[in-house]
Every structure is written in structure tokens, then in C-alpha cells.
Amino acid sequence: MSEIVIPAATIRATREDTSLEQLCFEFAHQVLGDPRKAARLKGYVEAAIEANPGIAAAGLVLPLGTEIRLPEWRISNRVEQVRLWD
């Protein structure tokens, strides 16, 4: 079983009308190279909120130039097998 690691990083909101969720997705997509994997990350946005105390006060759309710390995030490549019948 292997893991994929999204490294910790500090990024900035460089476009208007950007949300934290969008920044997390774009960074994960850049690292993973697959938009489907990036879209299915669970808990990454919540971890980014925890890493940036007070960011929720900025609202849904981040002010231009807002600096965001993204935490290191580990993703397991383990595939769960589902059996329809025993």
C-alpha cells in the first residue's frame, strides 16, 4: 500500500472571487495531476481552515492577496473491495 503526499505550502489568492475551496482544489490538482482525484479529497479544505485561524471571518470569497497555509495531506492508494454477495 502506498501513499500520495500533497506537500504543505503557502499560497496567495491572486484572482478576484476566489474561495478557499477553489484554492485547495487548484493546488491539489496541480500536485496530483488529476482533477477527479483532487475533487474527491476528503477533509482537505477543513484542514486548511484549521491551519488558518480566522480565515472563516474573511467570508466565502477571499480578499485579493490573502495568504493561505495549506497543510501536508496524505492520501492512501488502498482500494476497498466491495462484495455484492457473500
C-alpha atoms as a PDB file:
ATOM      1  CA  MET A   1       0.000   0.000   0.000  1.00  0.00           C
ATOM      2  CA  SER A   2       1.445   3.362  -0.960  1.00  0.00           C
ATOM      3  CA  GLU A   3       0.561   6.898  -0.069  1.00  0.00           C
ATOM      4  CA  ILE A   4       0.435  10.058  -2.094  1.00  0.00           C
ATOM      5  CA  VAL A   5       1.538  13.180  -0.242  1.00  0.00           C
ATOM      6  CA  ILE A   6       0.316  16.666  -1.009  1.00  0.00           C
ATOM      7  CA  PRO A   7       3.082  18.850   0.466  1.00  0.00           C
ATOM      8  CA  ALA A   8       2.481  21.745   2.814  1.00  0.00           C
ATOM      9  CA  ALA A   9       2.560  25.088   1.022  1.00  0.00           C
ATOM     10  CA  THR A  10       1.784  28.763   1.381  1.00  0.00           C
ATOM     11  CA  ILE A  11      -0.268  30.190  -1.465  1.00  0.00           C
ATOM     12  CA  ARG A  12      -1.950  33.501  -2.177  1.00  0.00           C
ATOM     13  CA  ALA A  13      -5.343  34.437  -3.604  1.00  0.00           C
ATOM     14  CA  THR A  14      -4.200  36.097  -6.830  1.00  0.00           C
ATOM     15  CA  ARG A  15      -7.581  36.369  -8.554  1.00  0.00           C
ATOM     16  CA  GLU A  16     -10.803  38.029  -7.516  1.00  0.00           C
ATOM     17  CA  ASP A  17     -13.786  35.896  -6.488  1.00  0.00           C
ATOM     18  CA  THR A  18     -11.624  33.022  -5.240  1.00  0.00           C
ATOM     19  CA  SER A  19     -12.752  30.741  -2.423  1.00  0.00           C
ATOM     20  CA  LEU A  20     -10.621  28.648  -0.077  1.00  0.00           C
ATOM     21  CA  GLU A  21     -12.183  25.521  -1.561  1.00  0.00           C
ATOM     22  CA  GLN A  22     -11.139  26.602  -5.051  1.00  0.00           C
ATOM     23  CA  LEU A  23      -7.559  27.305  -3.937  1.00  0.00           C
ATOM     24  CA  CYS A  24      -7.352  23.887  -2.257  1.00  0.00           C
ATOM     25  CA  PHE A  25      -8.701  22.167  -5.375  1.00  0.00           C
ATOM     26  CA  GLU A  26      -6.325  24.007  -7.724  1.00  0.00           C
ATOM     27  CA  PHE A  27      -3.269  23.211  -5.594  1.00  0.00           C
ATOM     28  CA  ALA A  28      -4.253  19.546  -5.185  1.00  0.00           C
ATOM     29  CA  HIS A  29      -4.931  19.294  -8.937  1.00  0.00           C
ATOM     30  CA  GLN A  30      -1.506  20.769  -9.668  1.00  0.00           C
ATOM     31  CA  VAL A  31       0.203  18.252  -7.352  1.00  0.00           C
ATOM     32  CA  LEU A  32      -1.867  15.186  -8.243  1.00  0.00           C
ATOM     33  CA  GLY A  33      -2.248  15.930 -11.941  1.00  0.00           C
ATOM     34  CA  ASP A  34      -5.807  14.575 -11.924  1.00  0.00           C
ATOM     35  CA  PRO A  35      -8.854  16.802 -11.366  1.00  0.00           C
ATOM     36  CA  ARG A  36     -11.002  13.821 -10.347  1.00  0.00           C
ATOM     37  CA  LYS A  37      -8.625  12.836  -7.533  1.00  0.00           C
ATOM     38  CA  ALA A  38      -8.349  16.454  -6.419  1.00  0.00           C
ATOM     39  CA  ALA A  39     -12.134  16.840  -6.332  1.00  0.00           C
ATOM     40  CA  ARG A  40     -12.565  13.730  -4.179  1.00  0.00           C
ATOM     41  CA  LEU A  41     -10.203  14.715  -1.360  1.00  0.00           C
ATOM     42  CA  LYS A  42     -11.977  14.420   1.972  1.00  0.00           C
ATOM     43  CA  GLY A  43     -11.107  16.774   4.799  1.00  0.00           C
ATOM     44  CA  TYR A  44      -8.516  18.862   2.931  1.00  0.00           C
ATOM     45  CA  VAL A  45     -10.496  22.111   2.999  1.00  0.00           C
ATOM     46  CA  GLU A  46     -11.340  21.576   6.679  1.00  0.00           C
ATOM     47  CA  ALA A  47      -7.633  21.008   7.435  1.00  0.00           C
ATOM     48  CA  ALA A  48      -6.815  24.247   5.589  1.00  0.00           C
ATOM     49  CA  ILE A  49      -9.375  26.092   7.728  1.00  0.00           C
ATOM     50  CA  GLU A  50      -7.728  24.697  10.882  1.00  0.00           C
ATOM     51  CA  ALA A  51      -4.284  25.735   9.592  1.00  0.00           C
ATOM     52  CA  ASN A  52      -5.521  29.320   9.066  1.00  0.00           C
ATOM     53  CA  PRO A  53      -7.235  30.541  12.242  1.00  0.00           C
ATOM     54  CA  GLY A  54      -9.694  33.328  11.498  1.00  0.00           C
ATOM     55  CA  ILE A  55      -9.934  32.595   7.765  1.00  0.00           C
ATOM     56  CA  ALA A  56     -13.660  31.913   8.071  1.00  0.00           C
ATOM     57  CA  ALA A  57     -14.150  35.561   9.041  1.00  0.00           C
ATOM     58  CA  ALA A  58     -12.967  36.540   5.546  1.00  0.00           C
ATOM     59  CA  GLY A  59     -16.168  35.078   4.130  1.00  0.00           C
ATOM     60  CA  LEU A  60     -16.815  32.793   1.189  1.00  0.00           C
ATOM     61  CA  VAL A  61     -14.783  34.893  -1.254  1.00  0.00           C
ATOM     62  CA  LEU A  62     -11.244  35.619  -0.079  1.00  0.00           C
ATOM     63  CA  PRO A  63      -9.865  39.135  -0.379  1.00  0.00           C
ATOM     64  CA  LEU A  64      -7.276  39.522  -3.123  1.00  0.00           C
ATOM     65  CA  GLY A  65      -3.777  38.813  -1.791  1.00  0.00           C
ATOM     66  CA  THR A  66      -4.912  36.689   1.164  1.00  0.00           C
ATOM     67  CA  GLU A  67      -2.107  34.315   2.161  1.00  0.00           C
ATOM     68  CA  ILE A  68      -3.191  30.739   2.882  1.00  0.00           C
ATOM     69  CA  ARG A  69      -1.180  27.974   4.551  1.00  0.00           C
ATOM     70  CA  LEU A  70      -2.075  24.553   3.185  1.00  0.00           C
ATOM     71  CA  PRO A  71      -1.184  21.579   5.398  1.00  0.00           C
ATOM     72  CA  GLU A  72       0.579  18.428   4.279  1.00  0.00           C
ATOM     73  CA  TRP A  73      -2.071  15.886   3.319  1.00  0.00           C
ATOM     74  CA  ARG A  74      -1.634  12.143   2.869  1.00  0.00           C
ATOM     75  CA  ILE A  75      -3.856  10.081   0.590  1.00  0.00           C
ATOM     76  CA  SER A  76      -3.962   6.305   0.752  1.00  0.00           C
ATOM     77  CA  ASN A  77      -3.967   4.399  -2.543  1.00  0.00           C
ATOM     78  CA  ARG A  78      -5.724   1.484  -0.893  1.00  0.00           C
ATOM     79  CA  VAL A  79      -8.698   0.237  -2.859  1.00  0.00           C
ATOM     80  CA  GLU A  80     -11.601  -1.093  -0.834  1.00  0.00           C
ATOM     81  CA  GLN A  81     -13.180  -4.163  -2.310  1.00  0.00           C
ATOM     82  CA  VAL A  82     -16.970  -4.294  -2.221  1.00  0.00           C
ATOM     83  CA  ARG A  83     -18.750  -7.627  -2.446  1.00  0.00           C
ATOM     84  CA  LEU A  84     -22.348  -7.630  -3.505  1.00  0.00           C
ATOM     85  CA  TRP A  85     -22.895 -11.206  -2.323  1.00  0.00           C
ATOM     86  CA  ASP A  86     -21.062 -13.340   0.223  1.00  0.00           C
END
